[in-house]
Amino acid sequence: QVQLVESGGGLVQPGGSLRLSCTASGFKMDYYVIGWFRQAPGKDREGISCISGDDGTIYYVDSVKGRFTISRDRAKNTVHLQMNSLKPEDTAVYYCAAVPLSYTVQTMCAAPPSGFWGQGTQVTVSS
């Protein structure tokens, strides 16, 4: 059964850090582009960081550059998103998704694609 499961969300104060994880089962991430998306209340879902499973090419949206780091653990079939210097505007439900390698990291992050999606994890940045 194909599944993506996100974990690591929670409540954090501004300036704090969280590490999200996306673990896949039923398929090998090496053969997919994996992306992190987020959706705040009343807003569209946006791609924030994507990584290619084969060569590790990475993309970040400007709003998270220098604060967020995406990485992969091939042995655990998991992609992480380390989020530092969190701001209230980072509050959202965070989702991971997987699409075939026919996508580039830019095209995947440009718009939520069809493909495999996780159920999401809530991140709330508030004092």
Foldseek 3Di string as FASTA:
>chain_A
DWAKAKDWADEAAAQAKIKMKIAIPPDAQLFWKKWKWWDDPPDAIATAKIFHSNPGDIDGDPVQPPFWDWDDDRVRSMIMIIGGRDDQVVWTWMKMFIDGPVDDRCRCRHHPDDGHIHPTDTHGYHD
